[in-house]
Amino acid sequence: MVVRLVNAVVMSRGFPLLSGVDLEIERGSLNVVVGANGAGKTSLLRLLGGLDSLTSGAGHVAGVDLVEGDLRLLRRRVGWLGHEGSFYADLSVRENLTFAARALLRPVDDVVPALERVGLGHRVDTITKQLSAGQRRRLGLAWLLVRRPEIWLLDEPYASLDDAGRAFFDDLLRDVLQGGATVVVSAHDPLRSKELRPRTVRMAGGRVDNS
């Protein structure tokens, strides 16, 4: 198992974001975390990415103990795509990815092919703040392609994507899974593409429904 959580609790200012999650995820699998707003989907992804810490319970992600392990090591092994990107608005698309690749010792030669793969090959010299919301999401995906993390954590990746963008994303997921990565996606509803054969993880009230 690449993920194992046992009675995982995450608190913020006295409020439980996760209130006792039990979850196991197999390596190389596609997992879709569904639930209403406030169900705990984003909090679960943040815990798996080492962005939030366990308050109580136990867990391992990509071989890192969430209680006693080095969460910085975990963050190097996972790739996070949230609602807001962390790119520099005044740099070009190419400059942003090149800077990030050099900072994390990733191959700079992978930058342009990754941008072409996500449909931004014609935007490599565009200033990032000029991109649409959907294009910024694609830029985030391009960065994950350059990083090649063990685990992809994608928070509402279909947001701001039109039908063509969603079809492209499903195609990208196939490639990522075929490469052996584990993917965890949060969404309000299960994925429409049955071909991908995702496992659905249902959340409510900060818990996973394992019934």
C-alpha atoms as a PDB file:
ATOM      1  CA  MET A   1       0.000   0.000   0.000  1.00  0.00           C
ATOM      2  CA  VAL A   2       1.282   3.452  -0.875  1.00  0.00           C
ATOM      3  CA  VAL A   3      -1.187   5.074   1.567  1.00  0.00           C
ATOM      4  CA  ARG A   4      -2.414   3.749   4.912  1.00  0.00           C
ATOM      5  CA  LEU A   5      -4.336   5.925   7.368  1.00  0.00           C
ATOM      6  CA  VAL A   6      -5.693   4.665  10.694  1.00  0.00           C
ATOM      7  CA  ASN A   7      -8.141   6.843  12.648  1.00  0.00           C
ATOM      8  CA  ALA A   8      -6.491   9.952  11.175  1.00  0.00           C
ATOM      9  CA  VAL A   9      -7.580  13.211  12.790  1.00  0.00           C
ATOM     10  CA  VAL A  10      -6.586  16.694  11.619  1.00  0.00           C
ATOM     11  CA  MET A  11      -7.635  19.700  13.704  1.00  0.00           C
ATOM     12  CA  SER A  12      -7.513  23.400  12.833  1.00  0.00           C
ATOM     13  CA  ARG A  13      -8.256  25.974  15.536  1.00  0.00           C
ATOM     14  CA  GLY A  14     -10.190  23.383  17.486  1.00  0.00           C
ATOM     15  CA  PHE A  15     -12.258  22.293  14.483  1.00  0.00           C
ATOM     16  CA  PRO A  16     -11.888  18.762  13.053  1.00  0.00           C
ATOM     17  CA  LEU A  17     -11.037  18.880   9.346  1.00  0.00           C
ATOM     18  CA  LEU A  18     -10.671  15.102   9.376  1.00  0.00           C
ATOM     19  CA  SER A  19     -12.384  13.210  12.190  1.00  0.00           C
ATOM     20  CA  GLY A  20     -11.074   9.664  12.118  1.00  0.00           C
ATOM     21  CA  VAL A  21     -10.184   8.560   8.587  1.00  0.00           C
ATOM     22  CA  ASP A  22      -9.329   4.959   7.806  1.00  0.00           C
ATOM     23  CA  LEU A  23      -8.019   4.559   4.266  1.00  0.00           C
ATOM     24  CA  GLU A  24      -5.737   2.345   2.196  1.00  0.00           C
ATOM     25  CA  ILE A  25      -4.629   3.117  -1.366  1.00  0.00           C
ATOM     26  CA  GLU A  26      -2.785   0.709  -3.632  1.00  0.00           C
ATOM     27  CA  ARG A  27       0.251   1.825  -5.599  1.00  0.00           C
ATOM     28  CA  GLY A  28      -0.512   2.634  -9.235  1.00  0.00           C
ATOM     29  CA  SER A  29      -4.246   3.074  -8.675  1.00  0.00           C
ATOM     30  CA  LEU A  30      -6.680   5.865  -9.556  1.00  0.00           C
ATOM     31  CA  ASN A  31      -8.768   7.038  -6.606  1.00  0.00           C
ATOM     32  CA  VAL A  32     -11.548   9.630  -6.776  1.00  0.00           C
ATOM     33  CA  VAL A  33     -12.528  11.252  -3.482  1.00  0.00           C
ATOM     34  CA  VAL A  34     -16.111  12.482  -3.733  1.00  0.00           C
ATOM     35  CA  GLY A  35     -18.370  14.405  -1.377  1.00  0.00           C
ATOM     36  CA  ALA A  36     -20.112  17.711  -0.807  1.00  0.00           C
ATOM     37  CA  ASN A  37     -18.308  20.946   0.038  1.00  0.00           C
ATOM     38  CA  GLY A  38     -16.897  20.675   3.545  1.00  0.00           C
ATOM     39  CA  ALA A  39     -16.793  16.871   3.469  1.00  0.00           C
ATOM     40  CA  GLY A  40     -13.029  16.863   3.971  1.00  0.00           C
ATOM     41  CA  LYS A  41     -11.810  16.117   0.443  1.00  0.00           C
ATOM     42  CA  THR A  42      -9.201  18.876   0.258  1.00  0.00           C
ATOM     43  CA  SER A  43      -8.109  18.241   3.853  1.00  0.00           C
ATOM     44  CA  LEU A  44      -7.479  14.595   2.999  1.00  0.00           C
ATOM     45  CA  LEU A  45      -5.358  15.528  -0.011  1.00  0.00           C
ATOM     46  CA  ARG A  46      -3.405  18.066   2.036  1.00  0.00           C
ATOM     47  CA  LEU A  47      -2.662  15.403   4.648  1.00  0.00           C
ATOM     48  CA  LEU A  48      -1.489  12.964   1.978  1.00  0.00           C
ATOM     49  CA  GLY A  49       0.744  15.676   0.522  1.00  0.00           C
ATOM     50  CA  GLY A  50       2.417  16.554   3.815  1.00  0.00           C
ATOM     51  CA  LEU A  51       0.846  20.013   3.821  1.00  0.00           C
ATOM     52  CA  ASP A  52      -1.128  19.372   7.030  1.00  0.00           C
ATOM     53  CA  SER A  53      -0.056  17.352  10.053  1.00  0.00           C
ATOM     54  CA  LEU A  54      -1.850  14.609  11.932  1.00  0.00           C
ATOM     55  CA  THR A  55      -3.332  15.662  15.243  1.00  0.00           C
ATOM     56  CA  SER A  56      -3.904  12.046  16.247  1.00  0.00           C
ATOM     57  CA  GLY A  57      -4.048   8.635  14.651  1.00  0.00           C
ATOM     58  CA  ALA A  58      -1.423   7.065  12.411  1.00  0.00           C
ATOM     59  CA  GLY A  59      -0.493   7.024   8.773  1.00  0.00           C
ATOM     60  CA  HIS A  60       2.128   6.292   6.134  1.00  0.00           C
ATOM     61  CA  VAL A  61       2.301   7.839   2.667  1.00  0.00           C
ATOM     62  CA  ALA A  62       4.950   6.810   0.114  1.00  0.00           C
ATOM     63  CA  GLY A  63       6.959   5.200   2.899  1.00  0.00           C
ATOM     64  CA  VAL A  64       6.922   8.298   5.139  1.00  0.00           C
ATOM     65  CA  ASP A  65       5.484   8.108   8.663  1.00  0.00           C
ATOM     66  CA  LEU A  66       3.055  11.028   9.046  1.00  0.00           C
ATOM     67  CA  VAL A  67       3.770  11.268  12.778  1.00  0.00           C
ATOM     68  CA  GLU A  68       7.515  10.735  13.104  1.00  0.00           C
ATOM     69  CA  GLY A  69       8.755  11.007   9.520  1.00  0.00           C
ATOM     70  CA  ASP A  70      10.178  13.928   7.550  1.00  0.00           C
ATOM     71  CA  LEU A  71       7.240  15.598   5.798  1.00  0.00           C
ATOM     72  CA  ARG A  72       9.694  17.486   3.579  1.00  0.00           C
ATOM     73  CA  LEU A  73      10.698  14.139   2.105  1.00  0.00           C
ATOM     74  CA  LEU A  74       7.033  13.326   1.508  1.00  0.00           C
ATOM     75  CA  ARG A  75       6.468  16.643  -0.258  1.00  0.00           C
ATOM     76  CA  ARG A  76       9.279  15.753  -2.654  1.00  0.00           C
ATOM     77  CA  ARG A  77       7.556  12.479  -3.522  1.00  0.00           C
ATOM     78  CA  VAL A  78       4.091  13.861  -4.226  1.00  0.00           C
ATOM     79  CA  GLY A  79       2.775  16.371  -6.727  1.00  0.00           C
ATOM     80  CA  TRP A  80      -0.008  18.759  -5.735  1.00  0.00           C
ATOM     81  CA  LEU A  81      -2.414  20.557  -8.049  1.00  0.00           C
ATOM     82  CA  GLY A  82      -4.668  22.858  -6.057  1.00  0.00           C
ATOM     83  CA  HIS A  83      -7.087  25.600  -6.993  1.00  0.00           C
ATOM     84  CA  GLU A  84      -4.374  28.236  -7.133  1.00  0.00           C
ATOM     85  CA  GLY A  85      -1.024  27.776  -8.805  1.00  0.00           C
ATOM     86  CA  SER A  86       2.238  28.869  -7.219  1.00  0.00           C
ATOM     87  CA  PHE A  87       3.792  30.323 -10.352  1.00  0.00           C
ATOM     88  CA  TYR A  88       5.242  33.811 -10.792  1.00  0.00           C
ATOM     89  CA  ALA A  89       2.664  35.947 -12.578  1.00  0.00           C
ATOM     90  CA  ASP A  90       5.224  38.129 -14.400  1.00  0.00           C
ATOM     91  CA  LEU A  91       7.331  35.271 -15.782  1.00  0.00           C
ATOM     92  CA  SER A  92       6.534  33.506 -19.024  1.00  0.00           C
ATOM     93  CA  VAL A  93       5.146  29.991 -19.031  1.00  0.00           C
ATOM     94  CA  ARG A  94       8.512  28.568 -20.105  1.00  0.00           C
ATOM     95  CA  GLU A  95      10.439  30.671 -17.567  1.00  0.00           C
ATOM     96  CA  ASN A  96       8.220  29.477 -14.711  1.00  0.00           C
ATOM     97  CA  LEU A  97       8.710  25.803 -15.451  1.00  0.00           C
ATOM     98  CA  THR A  98      12.415  26.212 -16.190  1.00  0.00           C
ATOM     99  CA  PHE A  99      12.958  28.004 -12.888  1.00  0.00           C
ATOM    100  CA  ALA A 100      11.001  25.328 -10.986  1.00  0.00           C
ATOM    101  CA  ALA A 101      12.817  22.498 -12.775  1.00  0.00           C
ATOM    102  CA  ARG A 102      16.242  23.912 -11.916  1.00  0.00           C
ATOM    103  CA  ALA A 103      15.206  24.500  -8.293  1.00  0.00           C
ATOM    104  CA  LEU A 104      14.248  20.832  -7.878  1.00  0.00           C
ATOM    105  CA  LEU A 105      17.001  19.434 -10.118  1.00  0.00           C
ATOM    106  CA  ARG A 106      14.560  18.179 -12.743  1.00  0.00           C
ATOM    107  CA  PRO A 107      15.517  17.986 -16.454  1.00  0.00           C
ATOM    108  CA  VAL A 108      15.019  21.383 -18.106  1.00  0.00           C
ATOM    109  CA  ASP A 109      14.773  19.599 -21.455  1.00  0.00           C
ATOM    110  CA  ASP A 110      11.424  18.167 -20.290  1.00  0.00           C
ATOM    111  CA  VAL A 111       9.806  21.615 -20.000  1.00  0.00           C
ATOM    112  CA  VAL A 112       8.757  22.265 -23.602  1.00  0.00           C
ATOM    113  CA  PRO A 113       7.593  18.665 -24.271  1.00  0.00           C
ATOM    114  CA  ALA A 114       5.468  18.840 -21.105  1.00  0.00           C
ATOM    115  CA  LEU A 115       3.912  22.132 -22.234  1.00  0.00           C
ATOM    116  CA  GLU A 116       3.176  20.631 -25.620  1.00  0.00           C
ATOM    117  CA  ARG A 117       1.610  17.581 -23.964  1.00  0.00           C
ATOM    118  CA  VAL A 118      -0.886  19.745 -22.055  1.00  0.00           C
ATOM    119  CA  GLY A 119      -1.720  21.923 -25.043  1.00  0.00           C
ATOM    120  CA  LEU A 120       0.361  24.964 -24.122  1.00  0.00           C
ATOM    121  CA  GLY A 121       3.054  24.557 -26.768  1.00  0.00           C
ATOM    122  CA  HIS A 122       1.842  27.728 -28.486  1.00  0.00           C
ATOM    123  CA  ARG A 123       1.948  29.637 -25.175  1.00  0.00           C
ATOM    124  CA  VAL A 124       5.506  28.997 -24.018  1.00  0.00           C
ATOM    125  CA  ASP A 125       6.434  32.692 -24.171  1.00  0.00           C
ATOM    126  CA  THR A 126       3.113  33.999 -22.823  1.00  0.00           C
ATOM    127  CA  ILE A 127       3.300  35.881 -19.522  1.00  0.00           C
ATOM    128  CA  THR A 128       1.620  33.632 -16.957  1.00  0.00           C
ATOM    129  CA  LYS A 129      -0.820  36.253 -15.666  1.00  0.00           C
ATOM    130  CA  GLN A 130      -2.289  36.434 -19.172  1.00  0.00           C
ATOM    131  CA  LEU A 131      -3.386  32.791 -19.078  1.00  0.00           C
ATOM    132  CA  SER A 132      -7.005  31.848 -18.529  1.00  0.00           C
ATOM    133  CA  ALA A 133      -7.963  29.843 -15.434  1.00  0.00           C
ATOM    134  CA  GLY A 134      -8.111  26.670 -17.507  1.00  0.00           C
ATOM    135  CA  GLN A 135      -4.696  27.349 -19.012  1.00  0.00           C
ATOM    136  CA  ARG A 136      -3.215  27.872 -15.559  1.00  0.00           C
ATOM    137  CA  ARG A 137      -4.559  24.459 -14.572  1.00  0.00           C
ATOM    138  CA  ARG A 138      -2.841  22.991 -17.619  1.00  0.00           C
ATOM    139  CA  LEU A 139       0.378  24.737 -16.592  1.00  0.00           C
ATOM    140  CA  GLY A 140       0.133  23.046 -13.211  1.00  0.00           C
ATOM    141  CA  LEU A 141      -0.275  19.693 -14.933  1.00  0.00           C
ATOM    142  CA  ALA A 142       2.769  20.419 -17.098  1.00  0.00           C
ATOM    143  CA  TRP A 143       4.816  21.016 -13.958  1.00  0.00           C
ATOM    144  CA  LEU A 144       3.730  17.647 -12.575  1.00  0.00           C
ATOM    145  CA  LEU A 145       4.824  16.018 -15.826  1.00  0.00           C
ATOM    146  CA  VAL A 146       8.262  17.583 -15.377  1.00  0.00           C
ATOM    147  CA  ARG A 147       8.430  16.606 -11.708  1.00  0.00           C
ATOM    148  CA  ARG A 148       7.212  13.018 -12.214  1.00  0.00           C
ATOM    149  CA  PRO A 149       6.032  12.480  -8.632  1.00  0.00           C
ATOM    150  CA  GLU A 150       5.162   9.073  -7.200  1.00  0.00           C
ATOM    151  CA  ILE A 151       1.721  10.307  -6.169  1.00  0.00           C
ATOM    152  CA  TRP A 152      -0.432  12.874  -7.989  1.00  0.00           C
ATOM    153  CA  LEU A 153      -2.834  14.787  -5.716  1.00  0.00           C
ATOM    154  CA  LEU A 154      -5.349  16.702  -7.819  1.00  0.00           C
ATOM    155  CA  ASP A 155      -7.883  18.946  -6.069  1.00  0.00           C
ATOM    156  CA  GLU A 156     -10.922  19.460  -8.328  1.00  0.00           C
ATOM    157  CA  PRO A 157      -8.836  19.209 -11.523  1.00  0.00           C
ATOM    158  CA  TYR A 158     -11.894  19.459 -13.780  1.00  0.00           C
ATOM    159  CA  ALA A 159     -12.693  22.968 -12.510  1.00  0.00           C
ATOM    160  CA  SER A 160     -12.324  25.638 -15.218  1.00  0.00           C
ATOM    161  CA  LEU A 161     -11.984  22.982 -17.948  1.00  0.00           C
ATOM    162  CA  ASP A 162     -14.429  22.743 -20.850  1.00  0.00           C
ATOM    163  CA  ASP A 163     -15.502  19.401 -22.362  1.00  0.00           C
ATOM    164  CA  ALA A 164     -12.412  19.286 -24.571  1.00  0.00           C
ATOM    165  CA  GLY A 165     -10.239  20.033 -21.559  1.00  0.00           C
ATOM    166  CA  ARG A 166     -11.881  17.265 -19.544  1.00  0.00           C
ATOM    167  CA  ALA A 167     -11.350  14.759 -22.342  1.00  0.00           C
ATOM    168  CA  PHE A 168      -7.701  15.837 -22.528  1.00  0.00           C
ATOM    169  CA  PHE A 169      -7.350  15.391 -18.773  1.00  0.00           C
ATOM    170  CA  ASP A 170      -8.762  11.860 -18.890  1.00  0.00           C
ATOM    171  CA  ASP A 171      -6.254  11.027 -21.611  1.00  0.00           C
ATOM    172  CA  LEU A 172      -3.435  12.443 -19.497  1.00  0.00           C
ATOM    173  CA  LEU A 173      -4.543  10.371 -16.519  1.00  0.00           C
ATOM    174  CA  ARG A 174      -4.248   7.224 -18.629  1.00  0.00           C
ATOM    175  CA  ASP A 175      -0.644   8.082 -19.453  1.00  0.00           C
ATOM    176  CA  VAL A 176       0.202   8.858 -15.828  1.00  0.00           C
ATOM    177  CA  LEU A 177      -1.306   5.610 -14.581  1.00  0.00           C
ATOM    178  CA  GLN A 178       0.442   3.600 -17.274  1.00  0.00           C
ATOM    179  CA  GLY A 179       3.692   5.127 -16.033  1.00  0.00           C
ATOM    180  CA  GLY A 180       3.074   3.599 -12.607  1.00  0.00           C
ATOM    181  CA  ALA A 181       2.085   6.680 -10.606  1.00  0.00           C
ATOM    182  CA  THR A 182      -0.690   6.691  -8.018  1.00  0.00           C
ATOM    183  CA  VAL A 183      -3.415   9.300  -8.559  1.00  0.00           C
ATOM    184  CA  VAL A 184      -5.836  10.748  -5.992  1.00  0.00           C
ATOM    185  CA  VAL A 185      -8.445  13.144  -7.392  1.00  0.00           C
ATOM    186  CA  SER A 186     -11.034  15.119  -5.432  1.00  0.00           C
ATOM    187  CA  ALA A 187     -14.361  15.803  -7.125  1.00  0.00           C
ATOM    188  CA  HIS A 188     -17.981  16.526  -6.269  1.00  0.00           C
ATOM    189  CA  ASP A 189     -19.102  13.529  -8.333  1.00  0.00           C
ATOM    190  CA  PRO A 190     -17.532  10.285  -9.601  1.00  0.00           C
ATOM    191  CA  LEU A 191     -15.569  10.529 -12.837  1.00  0.00           C
ATOM    192  CA  ARG A 192     -17.621  10.145 -15.981  1.00  0.00           C
ATOM    193  CA  SER A 193     -14.985   8.047 -17.716  1.00  0.00           C
ATOM    194  CA  LYS A 194     -15.609   4.424 -16.727  1.00  0.00           C
ATOM    195  CA  GLU A 195     -12.720   3.363 -18.952  1.00  0.00           C
ATOM    196  CA  LEU A 196     -10.301   4.665 -16.341  1.00  0.00           C
ATOM    197  CA  ARG A 197     -11.798   2.294 -13.753  1.00  0.00           C
ATOM    198  CA  PRO A 198     -11.381   4.609 -10.766  1.00  0.00           C
ATOM    199  CA  ARG A 199     -11.975   3.592  -7.195  1.00  0.00           C
ATOM    200  CA  THR A 200     -14.482   5.921  -5.539  1.00  0.00           C
ATOM    201  CA  VAL A 201     -13.777   7.092  -1.981  1.00  0.00           C
ATOM    202  CA  ARG A 202     -16.846   8.741  -0.468  1.00  0.00           C
ATOM    203  CA  MET A 203     -16.420  11.336   2.275  1.00  0.00           C
ATOM    204  CA  ALA A 204     -18.850  13.073   4.624  1.00  0.00           C
ATOM    205  CA  GLY A 205     -18.253  14.940   7.862  1.00  0.00           C
ATOM    206  CA  GLY A 206     -14.496  14.501   7.696  1.00  0.00           C
ATOM    207  CA  ARG A 207     -14.718  10.711   7.466  1.00  0.00           C
ATOM    208  CA  VAL A 208     -14.428   8.084   4.743  1.00  0.00           C
ATOM    209  CA  ASP A 209     -17.507   5.939   4.264  1.00  0.00           C
ATOM    210  CA  ASN A 210     -16.071   2.413   4.197  1.00  0.00           C
ATOM    211  CA  SER A 211     -19.438   0.704   4.310  1.00  0.00           C
END
